């Protein structure tokens, strides 16, 4: 199970621009807006959907974050933000959720 949190963006007239398959205009679902930064972190201790939600909620509260996807099965948290995030801020958010940030998985 995965949980993804996104901030709301304006929708096209007539409803969502995304298809039921999660794609927009027939293309793969976007990771974020143009210019956004994507970082993948390894988090220790997540075991279920509740864990994913707790981590996603705390990391989503960081300034500039537009999307968070936490996956307990892999221990990976993918964060899309308007600018690069300070790893210590991410660490503090993960700690607040009750888990341990191991570090960047994509570094």
PDB file of N, CA and C in Angstrom:
ATOM      1  N   UNK A   1       0.841  -1.162   0.000  1.00  0.00           N
ATOM      2  CA  UNK A   1       0.000   0.000   0.000  1.00  0.00           C
ATOM      3  C   UNK A   1       0.891   1.232   0.000  1.00  0.00           C
ATOM      4  N   UNK A   2       0.522   2.226  -0.765  1.00  0.00           N
ATOM      5  CA  UNK A   2       1.255   3.483  -0.784  1.00  0.00           C
ATOM      6  C   UNK A   2       0.292   4.617  -0.523  1.00  0.00           C
ATOM      7  N   UNK A   3       0.804   5.687  -0.021  1.00  0.00           N
ATOM      8  CA  UNK A   3       0.013   6.875   0.219  1.00  0.00           C
ATOM      9  C   UNK A   3       0.739   8.035  -0.418  1.00  0.00           C
ATOM     10  N   UNK A   4       0.022   8.796  -1.200  1.00  0.00           N
ATOM     11  CA  UNK A   4       0.623   9.956  -1.836  1.00  0.00           C
ATOM     12  C   UNK A   4      -0.184  11.171  -1.448  1.00  0.00           C
ATOM     13  N   UNK A   5       0.497  12.213  -1.075  1.00  0.00           N
ATOM     14  CA  UNK A   5      -0.138  13.460  -0.697  1.00  0.00           C
ATOM     15  C   UNK A   5       0.294  14.518  -1.693  1.00  0.00           C
ATOM     16  N   UNK A   6      -0.665  15.222  -2.269  1.00  0.00           N
ATOM     17  CA  UNK A   6      -0.362  16.293  -3.207  1.00  0.00           C
ATOM     18  C   UNK A   6      -1.136  17.521  -2.795  1.00  0.00           C
ATOM     19  N   UNK A   7      -0.543  18.671  -3.038  1.00  0.00           N
ATOM     20  CA  UNK A   7      -1.284  19.899  -2.837  1.00  0.00           C
ATOM     21  C   UNK A   7      -2.183  20.078  -4.053  1.00  0.00           C
ATOM     22  N   UNK A   8      -3.300  20.740  -3.849  1.00  0.00           N
ATOM     23  CA  UNK A   8      -4.264  20.911  -4.932  1.00  0.00           C
ATOM     24  C   UNK A   8      -3.776  21.946  -5.938  1.00  0.00           C
ATOM     25  N   UNK A   9      -3.850  21.606  -7.196  1.00  0.00           N
ATOM     26  CA  UNK A   9      -3.529  22.517  -8.287  1.00  0.00           C
ATOM     27  C   UNK A   9      -4.813  22.832  -9.027  1.00  0.00           C
ATOM     28  N   UNK A  10      -4.895  23.962  -9.697  1.00  0.00           N
ATOM     29  CA  UNK A  10      -6.111  24.286 -10.441  1.00  0.00           C
ATOM     30  C   UNK A  10      -6.421  23.204 -11.467  1.00  0.00           C
ATOM     31  N   UNK A  11      -7.711  22.881 -11.586  1.00  0.00           N
ATOM     32  CA  UNK A  11      -8.130  21.853 -12.528  1.00  0.00           C
ATOM     33  C   UNK A  11      -8.645  22.497 -13.806  1.00  0.00           C
ATOM     34  N   UNK A  12      -8.537  21.726 -14.880  1.00  0.00           N
ATOM     35  CA  UNK A  12      -9.072  22.181 -16.157  1.00  0.00           C
ATOM     36  C   UNK A  12     -10.589  22.220 -16.067  1.00  0.00           C
ATOM     37  N   UNK A  13     -11.230  23.044 -16.900  1.00  0.00           N
ATOM     38  CA  UNK A  13     -12.683  23.116 -16.918  1.00  0.00           C
ATOM     39  C   UNK A  13     -13.256  21.733 -17.170  1.00  0.00           C
ATOM     40  N   UNK A  14     -14.292  21.389 -16.434  1.00  0.00           N
ATOM     41  CA  UNK A  14     -14.934  20.105 -16.634  1.00  0.00           C
ATOM     42  C   UNK A  14     -14.390  19.013 -15.728  1.00  0.00           C
ATOM     43  N   UNK A  15     -13.487  19.329 -14.789  1.00  0.00           N
ATOM     44  CA  UNK A  15     -13.021  18.322 -13.842  1.00  0.00           C
ATOM     45  C   UNK A  15     -11.537  18.077 -13.952  1.00  0.00           C
ATOM     46  N   UNK A  16     -11.134  16.918 -13.475  1.00  0.00           N
ATOM     47  CA  UNK A  16      -9.719  16.569 -13.408  1.00  0.00           C
ATOM     48  C   UNK A  16      -9.133  16.360 -14.793  1.00  0.00           C
ATOM     49  N   UNK A  17      -7.854  16.712 -14.933  1.00  0.00           N
ATOM     50  CA  UNK A  17      -7.159  16.494 -16.195  1.00  0.00           C
ATOM     51  C   UNK A  17      -6.641  15.066 -16.276  1.00  0.00           C
ATOM     52  N   UNK A  18      -6.698  14.338 -15.180  1.00  0.00           N
ATOM     53  CA  UNK A  18      -6.103  13.001 -15.145  1.00  0.00           C
ATOM     54  C   UNK A  18      -7.126  11.919 -15.443  1.00  0.00           C
ATOM     55  N   UNK A  19      -6.664  10.907 -16.144  1.00  0.00           N
ATOM     56  CA  UNK A  19      -7.508   9.766 -16.458  1.00  0.00           C
ATOM     57  C   UNK A  19      -7.568   8.840 -15.260  1.00  0.00           C
ATOM     58  N   UNK A  20      -8.477   7.850 -15.256  1.00  0.00           N
ATOM     59  CA  UNK A  20      -8.520   6.894 -14.153  1.00  0.00           C
ATOM     60  C   UNK A  20      -7.210   6.129 -13.996  1.00  0.00           C
ATOM     61  N   UNK A  21      -6.399   6.053 -15.046  1.00  0.00           N
ATOM     62  CA  UNK A  21      -5.114   5.354 -14.975  1.00  0.00           C
ATOM     63  C   UNK A  21      -4.027   6.233 -14.356  1.00  0.00           C
ATOM     64  N   UNK A  22      -4.375   7.492 -14.033  1.00  0.00           N
ATOM     65  CA  UNK A  22      -3.407   8.374 -13.400  1.00  0.00           C
ATOM     66  C   UNK A  22      -2.554   9.164 -14.363  1.00  0.00           C
ATOM     67  N   UNK A  23      -2.952   9.214 -15.625  1.00  0.00           N
ATOM     68  CA  UNK A  23      -2.159   9.972 -16.585  1.00  0.00           C
ATOM     69  C   UNK A  23      -2.904  11.229 -16.989  1.00  0.00           C
ATOM     70  N   UNK A  24      -2.161  12.207 -17.436  1.00  0.00           N
ATOM     71  CA  UNK A  24      -2.732  13.463 -17.887  1.00  0.00           C
ATOM     72  C   UNK A  24      -2.564  13.560 -19.397  1.00  0.00           C
ATOM     73  N   UNK A  25      -3.644  13.785 -20.088  1.00  0.00           N
ATOM     74  CA  UNK A  25      -3.617  13.935 -21.537  1.00  0.00           C
ATOM     75  C   UNK A  25      -2.917  12.769 -22.215  1.00  0.00           C
ATOM     76  N   UNK A  26      -3.103  11.552 -21.683  1.00  0.00           N
ATOM     77  CA  UNK A  26      -2.549  10.360 -22.314  1.00  0.00           C
ATOM     78  C   UNK A  26      -1.090  10.105 -22.016  1.00  0.00           C
ATOM     79  N   UNK A  27      -0.474  10.928 -21.175  1.00  0.00           N
ATOM     80  CA  UNK A  27       0.935  10.743 -20.848  1.00  0.00           C
ATOM     81  C   UNK A  27       1.066  10.273 -19.415  1.00  0.00           C
ATOM     82  N   UNK A  28       2.271   9.879 -19.031  1.00  0.00           N
ATOM     83  CA  UNK A  28       2.515   9.417 -17.666  1.00  0.00           C
ATOM     84  C   UNK A  28       2.199  10.531 -16.678  1.00  0.00           C
ATOM     85  N   UNK A  29       1.759  10.145 -15.489  1.00  0.00           N
ATOM     86  CA  UNK A  29       1.451  11.125 -14.450  1.00  0.00           C
ATOM     87  C   UNK A  29       2.701  11.938 -14.136  1.00  0.00           C
ATOM     88  N   UNK A  30       2.568  13.257 -14.037  1.00  0.00           N
ATOM     89  CA  UNK A  30       3.741  14.093 -13.799  1.00  0.00           C
ATOM     90  C   UNK A  30       4.264  13.938 -12.388  1.00  0.00           C
ATOM     91  N   UNK A  31       5.582  14.083 -12.214  1.00  0.00           N
ATOM     92  CA  UNK A  31       6.189  14.032 -10.894  1.00  0.00           C
ATOM     93  C   UNK A  31       5.976  15.361 -10.179  1.00  0.00           C
ATOM     94  N   UNK A  32       5.748  16.405 -10.913  1.00  0.00           N
ATOM     95  CA  UNK A  32       5.548  17.734 -10.349  1.00  0.00           C
ATOM     96  C   UNK A  32       5.517  18.746 -11.464  1.00  0.00           C
ATOM     97  N   UNK A  33       5.560  19.995 -11.093  1.00  0.00           N
ATOM     98  CA  UNK A  33       5.553  21.049 -12.103  1.00  0.00           C
ATOM     99  C   UNK A  33       6.958  21.232 -12.662  1.00  0.00           C
ATOM    100  N   UNK A  34       7.032  21.879 -13.807  1.00  0.00           N
ATOM    101  CA  UNK A  34       8.337  22.161 -14.411  1.00  0.00           C
ATOM    102  C   UNK A  34       9.201  22.921 -13.418  1.00  0.00           C
ATOM    103  N   UNK A  35      10.437  22.495 -13.275  1.00  0.00           N
ATOM    104  CA  UNK A  35      11.355  23.146 -12.353  1.00  0.00           C
ATOM    105  C   UNK A  35      11.346  22.558 -10.959  1.00  0.00           C
ATOM    106  N   UNK A  36      10.396  21.667 -10.649  1.00  0.00           N
ATOM    107  CA  UNK A  36      10.358  21.044  -9.333  1.00  0.00           C
ATOM    108  C   UNK A  36      11.542  20.103  -9.158  1.00  0.00           C
ATOM    109  N   UNK A  37      11.890  19.849  -7.914  1.00  0.00           N
ATOM    110  CA  UNK A  37      13.008  18.988  -7.553  1.00  0.00           C
ATOM    111  C   UNK A  37      12.437  17.712  -6.926  1.00  0.00           C
ATOM    112  N   UNK A  38      12.905  16.550  -7.395  1.00  0.00           N
ATOM    113  CA  UNK A  38      12.475  15.278  -6.823  1.00  0.00           C
ATOM    114  C   UNK A  38      13.639  14.645  -6.086  1.00  0.00           C
ATOM    115  N   UNK A  39      13.391  14.228  -4.854  1.00  0.00           N
ATOM    116  CA  UNK A  39      14.409  13.561  -4.045  1.00  0.00           C
ATOM    117  C   UNK A  39      13.793  12.306  -3.447  1.00  0.00           C
ATOM    118  N   UNK A  40      14.585  11.247  -3.375  1.00  0.00           N
ATOM    119  CA  UNK A  40      14.127   9.986  -2.793  1.00  0.00           C
ATOM    120  C   UNK A  40      14.946   9.729  -1.534  1.00  0.00           C
ATOM    121  N   UNK A  41      14.240   9.461  -0.442  1.00  0.00           N
ATOM    122  CA  UNK A  41      14.880   9.218   0.840  1.00  0.00           C
ATOM    123  C   UNK A  41      14.584   7.797   1.305  1.00  0.00           C
ATOM    124  N   UNK A  42      15.500   7.239   2.093  1.00  0.00           N
ATOM    125  CA  UNK A  42      15.284   5.942   2.711  1.00  0.00           C
ATOM    126  C   UNK A  42      14.898   6.183   4.165  1.00  0.00           C
ATOM    127  N   UNK A  43      13.761   5.592   4.566  1.00  0.00           N
ATOM    128  CA  UNK A  43      13.251   5.760   5.919  1.00  0.00           C
ATOM    129  C   UNK A  43      13.137   4.388   6.570  1.00  0.00           C
ATOM    130  N   UNK A  44      13.668   4.278   7.765  1.00  0.00           N
ATOM    131  CA  UNK A  44      13.673   3.020   8.507  1.00  0.00           C
ATOM    132  C   UNK A  44      12.485   2.977   9.467  1.00  0.00           C
ATOM    133  N   UNK A  45      11.792   1.831   9.495  1.00  0.00           N
ATOM    134  CA  UNK A  45      10.733   1.618  10.468  1.00  0.00           C
ATOM    135  C   UNK A  45       9.318   1.627   9.926  1.00  0.00           C
ATOM    136  N   UNK A  46       9.108   2.043   8.678  1.00  0.00           N
ATOM    137  CA  UNK A  46       7.750   2.028   8.122  1.00  0.00           C
ATOM    138  C   UNK A  46       7.354   0.587   7.806  1.00  0.00           C
ATOM    139  N   UNK A  47       6.156   0.193   8.257  1.00  0.00           N
ATOM    140  CA  UNK A  47       5.709  -1.183   8.016  1.00  0.00           C
ATOM    141  C   UNK A  47       4.309  -1.286   7.417  1.00  0.00           C
ATOM    142  N   UNK A  48       3.558  -0.171   7.369  1.00  0.00           N
ATOM    143  CA  UNK A  48       2.165  -0.266   6.923  1.00  0.00           C
ATOM    144  C   UNK A  48       1.668   1.067   6.381  1.00  0.00           C
ATOM    145  N   UNK A  49       0.429   1.090   5.978  1.00  0.00           N
ATOM    146  CA  UNK A  49      -0.189   2.300   5.460  1.00  0.00           C
ATOM    147  C   UNK A  49      -0.241   3.425   6.477  1.00  0.00           C
ATOM    148  N   UNK A  50      -0.441   3.085   7.739  1.00  0.00           N
ATOM    149  CA  UNK A  50      -0.447   4.115   8.787  1.00  0.00           C
ATOM    150  C   UNK A  50       0.917   4.797   8.849  1.00  0.00           C
ATOM    151  N   UNK A  51       1.972   4.006   8.759  1.00  0.00           N
ATOM    152  CA  UNK A  51       3.340   4.560   8.763  1.00  0.00           C
ATOM    153  C   UNK A  51       3.531   5.504   7.582  1.00  0.00           C
ATOM    154  N   UNK A  52       3.097   5.052   6.414  1.00  0.00           N
ATOM    155  CA  UNK A  52       3.208   5.869   5.206  1.00  0.00           C
ATOM    156  C   UNK A  52       2.494   7.202   5.393  1.00  0.00           C
ATOM    157  N   UNK A  53       1.299   7.145   5.967  1.00  0.00           N
ATOM    158  CA  UNK A  53       0.511   8.357   6.183  1.00  0.00           C
ATOM    159  C   UNK A  53       1.167   9.306   7.159  1.00  0.00           C
ATOM    160  N   UNK A  54       1.738   8.768   8.242  1.00  0.00           N
ATOM    161  CA  UNK A  54       2.389   9.601   9.249  1.00  0.00           C
ATOM    162  C   UNK A  54       3.596  10.324   8.658  1.00  0.00           C
ATOM    163  N   UNK A  55       4.421   9.591   7.913  1.00  0.00           N
ATOM    164  CA  UNK A  55       5.596  10.197   7.290  1.00  0.00           C
ATOM    165  C   UNK A  55       5.170  11.219   6.240  1.00  0.00           C
ATOM    166  N   UNK A  56       4.207  10.857   5.404  1.00  0.00           N
ATOM    167  CA  UNK A  56       3.733  11.769   4.356  1.00  0.00           C
ATOM    168  C   UNK A  56       3.185  13.060   4.943  1.00  0.00           C
ATOM    169  N   UNK A  57       2.425  12.954   6.011  1.00  0.00           N
ATOM    170  CA  UNK A  57       1.829  14.143   6.636  1.00  0.00           C
ATOM    171  C   UNK A  57       2.903  15.101   7.147  1.00  0.00           C
ATOM    172  N   UNK A  58       3.900  14.570   7.838  1.00  0.00           N
ATOM    173  CA  UNK A  58       4.949  15.430   8.395  1.00  0.00           C
ATOM    174  C   UNK A  58       5.820  16.050   7.298  1.00  0.00           C
ATOM    175  N   UNK A  59       6.210  15.258   6.312  1.00  0.00           N
ATOM    176  CA  UNK A  59       7.067  15.782   5.245  1.00  0.00           C
ATOM    177  C   UNK A  59       6.293  16.770   4.376  1.00  0.00           C
ATOM    178  N   UNK A  60       5.006  16.528   4.172  1.00  0.00           N
ATOM    179  CA  UNK A  60       4.174  17.436   3.374  1.00  0.00           C
ATOM    180  C   UNK A  60       4.084  18.825   3.989  1.00  0.00           C
ATOM    181  N   UNK A  61       4.276  18.916   5.293  1.00  0.00           N
ATOM    182  CA  UNK A  61       4.171  20.197   5.987  1.00  0.00           C
ATOM    183  C   UNK A  61       5.405  21.090   5.769  1.00  0.00           C
ATOM    184  N   UNK A  62       6.473  20.532   5.200  1.00  0.00           N
ATOM    185  CA  UNK A  62       7.675  21.334   4.944  1.00  0.00           C
ATOM    186  C   UNK A  62       7.399  22.348   3.831  1.00  0.00           C
ATOM    187  N   UNK A  63       7.933  23.535   3.984  1.00  0.00           N
ATOM    188  CA  UNK A  63       7.732  24.599   3.001  1.00  0.00           C
ATOM    189  C   UNK A  63       8.249  24.176   1.632  1.00  0.00           C
ATOM    190  N   UNK A  64       7.424  24.377   0.614  1.00  0.00           N
ATOM    191  CA  UNK A  64       7.815  24.092  -0.764  1.00  0.00           C
ATOM    192  C   UNK A  64       7.480  22.703  -1.254  1.00  0.00           C
ATOM    193  N   UNK A  65       7.070  21.797  -0.362  1.00  0.00           N
ATOM    194  CA  UNK A  65       6.767  20.427  -0.772  1.00  0.00           C
ATOM    195  C   UNK A  65       5.436  20.406  -1.519  1.00  0.00           C
ATOM    196  N   UNK A  66       5.435  19.793  -2.704  1.00  0.00           N
ATOM    197  CA  UNK A  66       4.223  19.700  -3.509  1.00  0.00           C
ATOM    198  C   UNK A  66       3.680  18.287  -3.589  1.00  0.00           C
ATOM    199  N   UNK A  67       4.512  17.273  -3.295  1.00  0.00           N
ATOM    200  CA  UNK A  67       4.065  15.892  -3.386  1.00  0.00           C
ATOM    201  C   UNK A  67       4.963  15.005  -2.529  1.00  0.00           C
ATOM    202  N   UNK A  68       4.336  14.027  -1.847  1.00  0.00           N
ATOM    203  CA  UNK A  68       5.076  13.044  -1.066  1.00  0.00           C
ATOM    204  C   UNK A  68       4.472  11.681  -1.336  1.00  0.00           C
ATOM    205  N   UNK A  69       5.327  10.710  -1.631  1.00  0.00           N
ATOM    206  CA  UNK A  69       4.863   9.336  -1.797  1.00  0.00           C
ATOM    207  C   UNK A  69       5.753   8.447  -0.931  1.00  0.00           C
ATOM    208  N   UNK A  70       5.155   7.869   0.106  1.00  0.00           N
ATOM    209  CA  UNK A  70       5.867   6.972   1.006  1.00  0.00           C
ATOM    210  C   UNK A  70       5.447   5.546   0.712  1.00  0.00           C
ATOM    211  N   UNK A  71       6.415   4.626   0.638  1.00  0.00           N
ATOM    212  CA  UNK A  71       6.140   3.220   0.347  1.00  0.00           C
ATOM    213  C   UNK A  71       6.794   2.375   1.442  1.00  0.00           C
ATOM    214  N   UNK A  72       5.976   1.832   2.326  1.00  0.00           N
ATOM    215  CA  UNK A  72       6.491   1.046   3.451  1.00  0.00           C
ATOM    216  C   UNK A  72       7.265  -0.181   2.977  1.00  0.00           C
ATOM    217  N   UNK A  73       6.802  -0.822   1.926  1.00  0.00           N
ATOM    218  CA  UNK A  73       7.430  -2.059   1.446  1.00  0.00           C
ATOM    219  C   UNK A  73       8.884  -1.859   1.040  1.00  0.00           C
ATOM    220  N   UNK A  74       9.221  -0.673   0.556  1.00  0.00           N
ATOM    221  CA  UNK A  74      10.584  -0.406   0.112  1.00  0.00           C
ATOM    222  C   UNK A  74      11.345   0.510   1.074  1.00  0.00           C
ATOM    223  N   UNK A  75      10.618   1.176   1.967  1.00  0.00           N
ATOM    224  CA  UNK A  75      11.241   2.135   2.861  1.00  0.00           C
ATOM    225  C   UNK A  75      11.626   3.423   2.161  1.00  0.00           C
ATOM    226  N   UNK A  76      11.066   3.657   0.981  1.00  0.00           N
ATOM    227  CA  UNK A  76      11.408   4.844   0.185  1.00  0.00           C
ATOM    228  C   UNK A  76      10.326   5.905   0.306  1.00  0.00           C
ATOM    229  N   UNK A  77      10.763   7.148   0.375  1.00  0.00           N
ATOM    230  CA  UNK A  77       9.865   8.294   0.390  1.00  0.00           C
ATOM    231  C   UNK A  77      10.321   9.229  -0.718  1.00  0.00           C
ATOM    232  N   UNK A  78       9.459   9.445  -1.699  1.00  0.00           N
ATOM    233  CA  UNK A  78       9.766  10.326  -2.820  1.00  0.00           C
ATOM    234  C   UNK A  78       9.101  11.670  -2.547  1.00  0.00           C
ATOM    235  N   UNK A  79       9.899  12.722  -2.584  1.00  0.00           N
ATOM    236  CA  UNK A  79       9.417  14.061  -2.262  1.00  0.00           C
ATOM    237  C   UNK A  79       9.664  14.976  -3.460  1.00  0.00           C
ATOM    238  N   UNK A  80       8.619  15.662  -3.886  1.00  0.00           N
ATOM    239  CA  UNK A  80       8.739  16.669  -4.938  1.00  0.00           C
ATOM    240  C   UNK A  80       8.544  18.021  -4.268  1.00  0.00           C
ATOM    241  N   UNK A  81       9.464  18.938  -4.562  1.00  0.00           N
ATOM    242  CA  UNK A  81       9.398  20.260  -3.943  1.00  0.00           C
ATOM    243  C   UNK A  81       9.790  21.334  -4.951  1.00  0.00           C
ATOM    244  N   UNK A  82       9.400  22.549  -4.640  1.00  0.00           N
ATOM    245  CA  UNK A  82       9.689  23.672  -5.527  1.00  0.00           C
ATOM    246  C   UNK A  82      11.186  23.979  -5.573  1.00  0.00           C
ATOM    247  N   UNK A  83      11.879  23.762  -4.474  1.00  0.00           N
ATOM    248  CA  UNK A  83      13.322  23.977  -4.383  1.00  0.00           C
ATOM    249  C   UNK A  83      13.923  22.816  -3.603  1.00  0.00           C
ATOM    250  N   UNK A  84      15.234  22.601  -3.696  1.00  0.00           N
ATOM    251  CA  UNK A  84      15.843  21.513  -2.921  1.00  0.00           C
ATOM    252  C   UNK A  84      15.581  21.695  -1.425  1.00  0.00           C
ATOM    253  N   UNK A  85      15.297  20.588  -0.747  1.00  0.00           N
ATOM    254  CA  UNK A  85      15.030  20.632   0.687  1.00  0.00           C
ATOM    255  C   UNK A  85      16.306  20.418   1.483  1.00  0.00           C
ATOM    256  N   UNK A  86      16.359  21.014   2.646  1.00  0.00           N
ATOM    257  CA  UNK A  86      17.446  20.781   3.581  1.00  0.00           C
ATOM    258  C   UNK A  86      17.228  19.396   4.190  1.00  0.00           C
ATOM    259  N   UNK A  87      18.227  18.513   4.084  1.00  0.00           N
ATOM    260  CA  UNK A  87      18.069  17.154   4.579  1.00  0.00           C
ATOM    261  C   UNK A  87      17.780  17.121   6.075  1.00  0.00           C
ATOM    262  N   UNK A  88      18.310  18.069   6.818  1.00  0.00           N
ATOM    263  CA  UNK A  88      18.037  18.097   8.260  1.00  0.00           C
ATOM    264  C   UNK A  88      16.573  18.421   8.538  1.00  0.00           C
ATOM    265  N   UNK A  89      15.947  19.225   7.694  1.00  0.00           N
ATOM    266  CA  UNK A  89      14.523  19.520   7.849  1.00  0.00           C
ATOM    267  C   UNK A  89      13.695  18.266   7.565  1.00  0.00           C
ATOM    268  N   UNK A  90      14.097  17.518   6.540  1.00  0.00           N
ATOM    269  CA  UNK A  90      13.405  16.268   6.222  1.00  0.00           C
ATOM    270  C   UNK A  90      13.603  15.277   7.374  1.00  0.00           C
ATOM    271  N   UNK A  91      14.816  15.199   7.881  1.00  0.00           N
ATOM    272  CA  UNK A  91      15.118  14.309   9.011  1.00  0.00           C
ATOM    273  C   UNK A  91      14.232  14.637  10.220  1.00  0.00           C
ATOM    274  N   UNK A  92      14.107  15.931  10.519  1.00  0.00           N
ATOM    275  CA  UNK A  92      13.283  16.357  11.653  1.00  0.00           C
ATOM    276  C   UNK A  92      11.814  15.976  11.443  1.00  0.00           C
ATOM    277  N   UNK A  93      11.316  16.122  10.214  1.00  0.00           N
ATOM    278  CA  UNK A  93       9.924  15.762   9.922  1.00  0.00           C
ATOM    279  C   UNK A  93       9.708  14.257  10.077  1.00  0.00           C
ATOM    280  N   UNK A  94      10.650  13.461   9.565  1.00  0.00           N
ATOM    281  CA  UNK A  94      10.550  12.000   9.680  1.00  0.00           C
ATOM    282  C   UNK A  94      10.643  11.588  11.148  1.00  0.00           C
ATOM    283  N   UNK A  95      11.543  12.214  11.895  1.00  0.00           N
ATOM    284  CA  UNK A  95      11.661  11.940  13.336  1.00  0.00           C
ATOM    285  C   UNK A  95      10.356  12.273  14.057  1.00  0.00           C
ATOM    286  N   UNK A  96       9.749  13.393  13.711  1.00  0.00           N
ATOM    287  CA  UNK A  96       8.486  13.811  14.322  1.00  0.00           C
ATOM    288  C   UNK A  96       7.390  12.771  14.079  1.00  0.00           C
ATOM    289  N   UNK A  97       7.449  12.117  12.928  1.00  0.00           N
ATOM    290  CA  UNK A  97       6.477  11.065  12.605  1.00  0.00           C
ATOM    291  C   UNK A  97       6.774   9.770  13.364  1.00  0.00           C
ATOM    292  N   UNK A  98       7.978   9.671  13.935  1.00  0.00           N
ATOM    293  CA  UNK A  98       8.324   8.488  14.716  1.00  0.00           C
ATOM    294  C   UNK A  98       9.185   7.474  13.982  1.00  0.00           C
ATOM    295  N   UNK A  99       9.851   7.914  12.911  1.00  0.00           N
ATOM    296  CA  UNK A  99      10.666   7.011  12.102  1.00  0.00           C
ATOM    297  C   UNK A  99      12.062   7.589  11.943  1.00  0.00           C
ATOM    298  N   UNK A 100      12.943   6.844  11.305  1.00  0.00           N
ATOM    299  CA  UNK A 100      14.336   7.264  11.176  1.00  0.00           C
ATOM    300  C   UNK A 100      14.698   7.478   9.709  1.00  0.00           C
ATOM    301  N   UNK A 101      15.189   8.666   9.400  1.00  0.00           N
ATOM    302  CA  UNK A 101      15.683   8.942   8.057  1.00  0.00           C
ATOM    303  C   UNK A 101      17.095   8.380   7.948  1.00  0.00           C
ATOM    304  N   UNK A 102      17.290   7.421   7.038  1.00  0.00           N
ATOM    305  CA  UNK A 102      18.612   6.835   6.823  1.00  0.00           C
ATOM    306  C   UNK A 102      19.441   7.772   5.970  1.00  0.00           C
ATOM    307  N   UNK A 103      18.819   8.386   4.969  1.00  0.00           N
ATOM    308  CA  UNK A 103      19.505   9.328   4.085  1.00  0.00           C
ATOM    309  C   UNK A 103      18.878   9.338   2.713  1.00  0.00           C
ATOM    310  N   UNK A 104      19.529  10.023   1.782  1.00  0.00           N
ATOM    311  CA  UNK A 104      19.057  10.085   0.398  1.00  0.00           C
ATOM    312  C   UNK A 104      19.286   8.754  -0.270  1.00  0.00           C
ATOM    313  N   UNK A 105      18.290   8.234  -0.921  1.00  0.00           N
ATOM    314  CA  UNK A 105      18.404   6.974  -1.640  1.00  0.00           C
ATOM    315  C   UNK A 105      18.857   7.222  -3.071  1.00  0.00           C
ATOM    316  N   UNK A 106      18.719   8.457  -3.563  1.00  0.00           N
ATOM    317  CA  UNK A 106      19.044   8.772  -4.938  1.00  0.00           C
ATOM    318  C   UNK A 106      20.358   9.534  -5.051  1.00  0.00           C
ATOM    319  N   UNK A 107      21.091   9.615  -3.961  1.00  0.00           N
ATOM    320  CA  UNK A 107      22.354  10.374  -3.991  1.00  0.00           C
ATOM    321  C   UNK A 107      23.504   9.510  -4.451  1.00  0.00           C
TER     322      UNK A 107
END
